[in-house]
C-alpha atoms as a PDB file:
ATOM      1  CA  MET A   1      19.666 -11.975 -36.114  1.00  0.00           C
ATOM      2  CA  ARG A   2      18.958  -8.767 -37.993  1.00  0.00           C
ATOM      3  CA  ARG A   3      15.249  -9.207 -37.322  1.00  0.00           C
ATOM      4  CA  LEU A   4      16.009  -9.283 -33.606  1.00  0.00           C
ATOM      5  CA  VAL A   5      18.488  -6.405 -33.552  1.00  0.00           C
ATOM      6  CA  ALA A   6      16.226  -3.811 -35.200  1.00  0.00           C
ATOM      7  CA  PRO A   7      13.376  -4.020 -32.638  1.00  0.00           C
ATOM      8  CA  VAL A   8      15.891  -3.952 -29.785  1.00  0.00           C
ATOM      9  CA  LEU A   9      17.539  -0.797 -31.146  1.00  0.00           C
ATOM     10  CA  VAL A  10      14.193   0.887 -31.685  1.00  0.00           C
ATOM     11  CA  GLY A  11      13.093  -0.035 -28.168  1.00  0.00           C
ATOM     12  CA  ALA A  12      16.336   1.206 -26.657  1.00  0.00           C
ATOM     13  CA  ALA A  13      16.043   4.500 -28.538  1.00  0.00           C
ATOM     14  CA  ALA A  14      12.442   4.966 -27.394  1.00  0.00           C
ATOM     15  CA  LEU A  15      13.400   4.200 -23.807  1.00  0.00           C
ATOM     16  CA  SER A  16      16.228   6.736 -23.986  1.00  0.00           C
ATOM     17  CA  VAL A  17      13.851   9.437 -25.230  1.00  0.00           C
ATOM     18  CA  VAL A  18      11.309   8.696 -22.511  1.00  0.00           C
ATOM     19  CA  THR A  19      14.013   8.659 -19.817  1.00  0.00           C
ATOM     20  CA  ALA A  20      15.527  11.938 -21.037  1.00  0.00           C
ATOM     21  CA  ARG A  21      12.096  13.586 -21.105  1.00  0.00           C
ATOM     22  CA  PHE A  22      11.282  12.401 -17.579  1.00  0.00           C
ATOM     23  CA  SER A  23      14.637  13.666 -16.319  1.00  0.00           C
ATOM     24  CA  ALA A  24      14.081  17.050 -17.953  1.00  0.00           C
ATOM     25  CA  LEU A  25      10.628  17.405 -16.406  1.00  0.00           C
ATOM     26  CA  HIS A  26      11.769  16.400 -12.897  1.00  0.00           C
ATOM     27  CA  TRP A  27      15.327  17.745 -12.720  1.00  0.00           C
ATOM     28  CA  GLY A  28      16.525  17.853  -9.102  1.00  0.00           C
ATOM     29  CA  ALA A  29      13.092  17.045  -7.664  1.00  0.00           C
ATOM     30  CA  THR A  30      12.338  14.064  -5.466  1.00  0.00           C
ATOM     31  CA  THR A  31       9.377  11.797  -6.145  1.00  0.00           C
ATOM     32  CA  GLU A  32       7.580  13.334  -3.164  1.00  0.00           C
ATOM     33  CA  GLU A  33       8.203  16.885  -4.429  1.00  0.00           C
ATOM     34  CA  SER A  34       6.928  15.993  -7.899  1.00  0.00           C
ATOM     35  CA  ARG A  35       3.720  14.626  -6.395  1.00  0.00           C
ATOM     36  CA  GLU A  36       3.012  17.099  -3.602  1.00  0.00           C
ATOM     37  CA  PRO A  37       0.362  19.789  -4.164  1.00  0.00           C
ATOM     38  CA  LEU A  38       1.860  23.253  -4.567  1.00  0.00           C
ATOM     39  CA  PRO A  39       0.332  26.742  -4.645  1.00  0.00           C
ATOM     40  CA  GLY A  40      -1.158  27.402  -8.071  1.00  0.00           C
ATOM     41  CA  ASP A  41      -1.966  23.771  -8.892  1.00  0.00           C
ATOM     42  CA  GLU A  42      -5.659  24.515  -8.467  1.00  0.00           C
ATOM     43  CA  LEU A  43      -5.609  27.003 -11.351  1.00  0.00           C
ATOM     44  CA  ILE A  44      -5.132  24.228 -13.927  1.00  0.00           C
ATOM     45  CA  PRO A  45      -6.737  21.122 -12.392  1.00  0.00           C
ATOM     46  CA  ALA A  46      -6.167  18.849 -15.422  1.00  0.00           C
ATOM     47  CA  PRO A  47      -2.848  19.866 -17.015  1.00  0.00           C
ATOM     48  CA  GLY A  48      -1.498  18.299 -20.170  1.00  0.00           C
ATOM     49  CA  LEU A  49       2.090  18.636 -18.992  1.00  0.00           C
ATOM     50  CA  VAL A  50       3.703  19.263 -15.600  1.00  0.00           C
ATOM     51  CA  ALA A  51       7.360  20.005 -14.914  1.00  0.00           C
ATOM     52  CA  THR A  52       8.649  20.076 -11.325  1.00  0.00           C
ATOM     53  CA  ARG A  53      12.282  20.987 -10.690  1.00  0.00           C
ATOM     54  CA  ALA A  54      14.151  21.706  -7.468  1.00  0.00           C
ATOM     55  CA  ILE A  55      17.454  22.609  -5.868  1.00  0.00           C
ATOM     56  CA  THR A  56      18.887  22.852  -2.354  1.00  0.00           C
ATOM     57  CA  ILE A  57      20.303  26.237  -1.378  1.00  0.00           C
ATOM     58  CA  GLU A  58      22.536  26.688   1.652  1.00  0.00           C
ATOM     59  CA  ALA A  59      20.729  29.804   2.835  1.00  0.00           C
ATOM     60  CA  VAL A  60      17.500  30.459   4.717  1.00  0.00           C
ATOM     61  CA  PRO A  61      14.314  31.299   2.753  1.00  0.00           C
ATOM     62  CA  GLU A  62      14.525  34.937   3.842  1.00  0.00           C
ATOM     63  CA  VAL A  63      17.796  35.217   1.902  1.00  0.00           C
ATOM     64  CA  VAL A  64      16.604  33.246  -1.122  1.00  0.00           C
ATOM     65  CA  TRP A  65      13.235  34.969  -1.523  1.00  0.00           C
ATOM     66  CA  PRO A  66      14.484  38.428  -2.668  1.00  0.00           C
ATOM     67  CA  TRP A  67      16.186  36.814  -5.670  1.00  0.00           C
ATOM     68  CA  VAL A  68      12.914  35.120  -6.627  1.00  0.00           C
ATOM     69  CA  ALA A  69      10.844  38.244  -6.021  1.00  0.00           C
ATOM     70  CA  GLN A  70      12.824  40.343  -8.484  1.00  0.00           C
ATOM     71  CA  ILE A  71      12.721  38.026 -11.504  1.00  0.00           C
ATOM     72  CA  GLY A  72      11.540  39.562 -14.750  1.00  0.00           C
ATOM     73  CA  ALA A  73      12.996  40.767 -18.024  1.00  0.00           C
ATOM     74  CA  ASP A  74      12.558  44.405 -16.984  1.00  0.00           C
ATOM     75  CA  ARG A  75      13.726  43.749 -13.419  1.00  0.00           C
ATOM     76  CA  GLY A  76      16.364  41.296 -12.126  1.00  0.00           C
ATOM     77  CA  GLY A  77      16.359  38.989 -15.143  1.00  0.00           C
ATOM     78  CA  PHE A  78      16.166  35.201 -14.811  1.00  0.00           C
ATOM     79  CA  TYR A  79      19.720  34.289 -13.724  1.00  0.00           C
ATOM     80  CA  SER A  80      19.960  32.005 -16.746  1.00  0.00           C
ATOM     81  CA  TYR A  81      21.596  32.250 -20.177  1.00  0.00           C
ATOM     82  CA  ASP A  82      21.238  35.987 -20.758  1.00  0.00           C
ATOM     83  CA  ARG A  83      22.889  35.924 -24.178  1.00  0.00           C
ATOM     84  CA  LEU A  84      20.507  33.285 -25.490  1.00  0.00           C
ATOM     85  CA  GLU A  85      17.483  35.074 -24.060  1.00  0.00           C
ATOM     86  CA  ASN A  86      18.621  38.359 -25.544  1.00  0.00           C
ATOM     87  CA  LEU A  87      18.895  36.733 -28.973  1.00  0.00           C
ATOM     88  CA  ALA A  88      15.117  36.341 -28.658  1.00  0.00           C
ATOM     89  CA  GLY A  89      14.802  40.049 -27.890  1.00  0.00           C
ATOM     90  CA  CYS A  90      14.340  39.779 -24.122  1.00  0.00           C
ATOM     91  CA  ASN A  91      16.739  42.682 -23.543  1.00  0.00           C
ATOM     92  CA  LEU A  92      17.637  41.658 -20.000  1.00  0.00           C
ATOM     93  CA  ARG A  93      20.607  41.390 -17.705  1.00  0.00           C
ATOM     94  CA  SER A  94      20.503  39.125 -14.672  1.00  0.00           C
ATOM     95  CA  ALA A  95      21.133  41.033 -11.465  1.00  0.00           C
ATOM     96  CA  ASP A  96      23.961  40.182  -9.080  1.00  0.00           C
ATOM     97  CA  ALA A  97      22.477  42.201  -6.230  1.00  0.00           C
ATOM     98  CA  VAL A  98      19.118  42.473  -4.496  1.00  0.00           C
ATOM     99  CA  VAL A  99      17.373  45.683  -5.555  1.00  0.00           C
ATOM    100  CA  PRO A 100      14.850  47.056  -3.006  1.00  0.00           C
ATOM    101  CA  GLU A 101      12.668  48.634  -5.712  1.00  0.00           C
ATOM    102  CA  TRP A 102      11.991  45.187  -7.197  1.00  0.00           C
ATOM    103  CA  GLN A 103      10.893  43.509  -3.983  1.00  0.00           C
ATOM    104  CA  HIS A 104       7.226  44.477  -3.923  1.00  0.00           C
ATOM    105  CA  LEU A 105       4.869  42.159  -5.786  1.00  0.00           C
ATOM    106  CA  ALA A 106       1.088  42.002  -5.540  1.00  0.00           C
ATOM    107  CA  ARG A 107      -1.664  40.019  -7.213  1.00  0.00           C
ATOM    108  CA  GLY A 108      -2.279  41.411 -10.682  1.00  0.00           C
ATOM    109  CA  ASP A 109       1.248  42.720 -11.214  1.00  0.00           C
ATOM    110  CA  LEU A 110       3.037  41.788 -14.429  1.00  0.00           C
ATOM    111  CA  VAL A 111       6.315  39.876 -14.610  1.00  0.00           C
ATOM    112  CA  ARG A 112       7.749  40.181 -18.094  1.00  0.00           C
ATOM    113  CA  LEU A 113       9.408  37.334 -19.957  1.00  0.00           C
ATOM    114  CA  HIS A 114       9.978  39.625 -22.939  1.00  0.00           C
ATOM    115  CA  PRO A 115       9.113  43.276 -23.654  1.00  0.00           C
ATOM    116  CA  GLN A 116       5.935  42.031 -25.350  1.00  0.00           C
ATOM    117  CA  VAL A 117       5.205  38.945 -23.224  1.00  0.00           C
ATOM    118  CA  ALA A 118       4.213  39.018 -19.564  1.00  0.00           C
ATOM    119  CA  LEU A 119       2.872  36.722 -16.866  1.00  0.00           C
ATOM    120  CA  THR A 120       0.398  37.896 -14.230  1.00  0.00           C
ATOM    121  CA  VAL A 121       1.022  37.449 -10.514  1.00  0.00           C
ATOM    122  CA  GLU A 122      -1.765  35.176  -9.259  1.00  0.00           C
ATOM    123  CA  SER A 123      -0.566  34.894  -5.676  1.00  0.00           C
ATOM    124  CA  VAL A 124       2.414  35.892  -3.606  1.00  0.00           C
ATOM    125  CA  GLU A 125       3.414  34.891  -0.086  1.00  0.00           C
ATOM    126  CA  PRO A 126       6.770  36.488   0.797  1.00  0.00           C
ATOM    127  CA  ASP A 127       9.485  34.015   1.796  1.00  0.00           C
ATOM    128  CA  HIS A 128       7.264  31.106   0.711  1.00  0.00           C
ATOM    129  CA  SER A 129       5.641  31.196  -2.722  1.00  0.00           C
ATOM    130  CA  LEU A 130       5.062  33.089  -5.962  1.00  0.00           C
ATOM    131  CA  VAL A 131       2.597  31.933  -8.635  1.00  0.00           C
ATOM    132  CA  LEU A 132       2.587  33.439 -12.127  1.00  0.00           C
ATOM    133  CA  ARG A 133       0.072  32.737 -14.886  1.00  0.00           C
ATOM    134  CA  ALA A 134      -0.485  33.277 -18.595  1.00  0.00           C
ATOM    135  CA  ALA A 135      -4.061  32.373 -19.466  1.00  0.00           C
ATOM    136  CA  PRO A 136      -5.909  33.011 -22.756  1.00  0.00           C
ATOM    137  CA  PRO A 137      -8.533  35.734 -22.284  1.00  0.00           C
ATOM    138  CA  PRO A 138     -12.060  34.282 -22.009  1.00  0.00           C
ATOM    139  CA  GLY A 139     -13.388  33.584 -25.482  1.00  0.00           C
ATOM    140  CA  ALA A 140     -10.052  34.364 -27.146  1.00  0.00           C
ATOM    141  CA  GLU A 141      -8.837  30.774 -27.484  1.00  0.00           C
ATOM    142  CA  GLY A 142      -7.727  30.180 -31.038  1.00  0.00           C
ATOM    143  CA  SER A 143      -7.383  33.878 -31.855  1.00  0.00           C
ATOM    144  CA  PRO A 144      -4.212  34.992 -33.677  1.00  0.00           C
ATOM    145  CA  GLY A 145      -1.387  35.779 -31.293  1.00  0.00           C
ATOM    146  CA  VAL A 146      -2.958  33.892 -28.355  1.00  0.00           C
ATOM    147  CA  ALA A 147      -0.963  30.945 -27.009  1.00  0.00           C
ATOM    148  CA  PRO A 148      -2.811  27.603 -27.365  1.00  0.00           C
ATOM    149  CA  TYR A 149      -2.476  26.776 -23.692  1.00  0.00           C
ATOM    150  CA  ASP A 150      -3.044  27.961 -20.149  1.00  0.00           C
ATOM    151  CA  PHE A 151       0.180  28.195 -18.142  1.00  0.00           C
ATOM    152  CA  THR A 152       1.220  28.594 -14.507  1.00  0.00           C
ATOM    153  CA  TRP A 153       4.717  28.946 -13.084  1.00  0.00           C
ATOM    154  CA  ALA A 154       5.130  28.484  -9.344  1.00  0.00           C
ATOM    155  CA  PHE A 155       8.148  29.133  -7.122  1.00  0.00           C
ATOM    156  CA  VAL A 156       7.933  27.532  -3.689  1.00  0.00           C
ATOM    157  CA  LEU A 157      10.458  27.786  -0.865  1.00  0.00           C
ATOM    158  CA  HIS A 158      10.565  25.106   1.844  1.00  0.00           C
ATOM    159  CA  ARG A 159      12.757  25.561   4.881  1.00  0.00           C
ATOM    160  CA  HIS A 160      15.285  22.741   4.942  1.00  0.00           C
ATOM    161  CA  PRO A 161      17.358  21.453   7.898  1.00  0.00           C
ATOM    162  CA  HIS A 162      20.615  23.187   8.785  1.00  0.00           C
ATOM    163  CA  ALA A 163      19.561  26.697   7.695  1.00  0.00           C
ATOM    164  CA  ALA A 164      18.985  25.679   4.080  1.00  0.00           C
ATOM    165  CA  THR A 165      16.144  26.137   1.587  1.00  0.00           C
ATOM    166  CA  ARG A 166      14.575  23.762  -0.864  1.00  0.00           C
ATOM    167  CA  LEU A 167      13.510  25.850  -3.893  1.00  0.00           C
ATOM    168  CA  ILE A 168      10.908  24.120  -6.065  1.00  0.00           C
ATOM    169  CA  THR A 169       9.532  25.374  -9.381  1.00  0.00           C
ATOM    170  CA  ARG A 170       6.531  23.949 -11.162  1.00  0.00           C
ATOM    171  CA  GLU A 171       5.260  24.627 -14.668  1.00  0.00           C
ATOM    172  CA  ARG A 172       1.750  23.453 -15.589  1.00  0.00           C
ATOM    173  CA  PHE A 173       0.364  23.602 -19.109  1.00  0.00           C
ATOM    174  CA  GLY A 174      -3.343  23.276 -19.794  1.00  0.00           C
ATOM    175  CA  TYR A 175      -3.986  22.427 -23.424  1.00  0.00           C
ATOM    176  CA  THR A 176      -6.717  24.355 -25.259  1.00  0.00           C
ATOM    177  CA  HIS A 177      -6.331  22.602 -28.638  1.00  0.00           C
ATOM    178  CA  TRP A 178      -5.572  19.069 -29.783  1.00  0.00           C
ATOM    179  CA  TRP A 179      -2.354  20.356 -31.335  1.00  0.00           C
ATOM    180  CA  SER A 180      -1.164  22.248 -28.236  1.00  0.00           C
ATOM    181  CA  PRO A 181       1.402  19.524 -27.353  1.00  0.00           C
ATOM    182  CA  LEU A 182       3.149  20.123 -30.687  1.00  0.00           C
ATOM    183  CA  LEU A 183       4.115  23.566 -29.399  1.00  0.00           C
ATOM    184  CA  VAL A 184       4.387  22.860 -25.684  1.00  0.00           C
ATOM    185  CA  GLU A 185       6.764  19.887 -25.920  1.00  0.00           C
ATOM    186  CA  PRO A 186       9.624  21.805 -27.639  1.00  0.00           C
ATOM    187  CA  VAL A 187       8.952  24.829 -25.423  1.00  0.00           C
ATOM    188  CA  SER A 188       9.225  22.601 -22.356  1.00  0.00           C
ATOM    189  CA  ALA A 189      12.485  21.083 -23.589  1.00  0.00           C
ATOM    190  CA  ALA A 190      14.051  24.531 -23.949  1.00  0.00           C
ATOM    191  CA  SER A 191      12.545  25.603 -20.634  1.00  0.00           C
ATOM    192  CA  SER A 192      14.243  22.691 -18.891  1.00  0.00           C
ATOM    193  CA  LEU A 193      17.713  23.929 -19.808  1.00  0.00           C
ATOM    194  CA  MET A 194      16.902  27.524 -18.898  1.00  0.00           C
ATOM    195  CA  SER A 195      15.227  26.519 -15.617  1.00  0.00           C
ATOM    196  CA  GLN A 196      18.158  24.410 -14.496  1.00  0.00           C
ATOM    197  CA  LYS A 197      20.500  27.330 -15.105  1.00  0.00           C
ATOM    198  CA  MET A 198      18.079  29.687 -13.338  1.00  0.00           C
ATOM    199  CA  LEU A 199      17.906  27.493 -10.237  1.00  0.00           C
ATOM    200  CA  ARG A 200      21.678  27.270 -10.106  1.00  0.00           C
ATOM    201  CA  GLY A 201      21.896  31.026 -10.638  1.00  0.00           C
ATOM    202  CA  ILE A 202      19.580  31.738  -7.701  1.00  0.00           C
ATOM    203  CA  ARG A 203      21.464  29.236  -5.561  1.00  0.00           C
ATOM    204  CA  ASP A 204      24.864  30.757  -6.300  1.00  0.00           C
ATOM    205  CA  ARG A 205      23.695  34.304  -5.617  1.00  0.00           C
ATOM    206  CA  ALA A 206      21.866  33.445  -2.409  1.00  0.00           C
ATOM    207  CA  GLU A 207      24.720  31.330  -1.042  1.00  0.00           C
ATOM    208  CA  ARG A 208      27.229  34.064  -1.860  1.00  0.00           C
ATOM    209  CA  GLN A 209      25.059  36.580  -0.026  1.00  0.00           C
ATOM    210  CA  ALA A 210      24.640  34.221   2.936  1.00  0.00           C
ATOM    211  CA  SER A 211      28.402  33.682   3.144  1.00  0.00           C
ATOM    212  CA  ALA A 212      29.081  37.416   2.985  1.00  0.00           C
ATOM    213  CA  GLY A 213      26.669  38.035   5.854  1.00  0.00           C
ATOM    214  CA  ALA A 214      28.031  35.219   8.020  1.00  0.00           C
END
């Protein structure tokens, strides 16, 4: 009996880990949303890890977009766990209002995750999509201080029936070393928690604004 129980327990534990990982990487997203091509996918054609998450917001894209456009540690924050992010030195405070000065993004602009870490705007289509990227400089792979992966972060807004918006985020990691997954996997796990909170934070702010303007 003991010989049978041990493999069953190990299998159940492995299945639980796999299920939890899948859930974290696809939180809120439908199967179709996880599979559909999104802006920015072409930048890393063969990613080592992809995370697609989504949420429905009871507000039109034109109301949701300004909250997405002003993300950044030195701008509107990330609408997530500010205290935890500030423990890492992010020095941010998530905004509770749309700030006009933070609404203008263009290709090449920087969106800071931390005072010393920034993503570059690869593409921006107001009211529809924003794609950010952190790529190792050509020839710098493996250099000290350079992340061992290429990374894109896309925000896509789809108009949903009944004056609602489907907000989808996608993270794509392109590995540059055999050991890249050893760093990316724990980073992705932490990102899942922060991203879920961020999506809820955007939803709550946009829906509150939509209700106030009704």
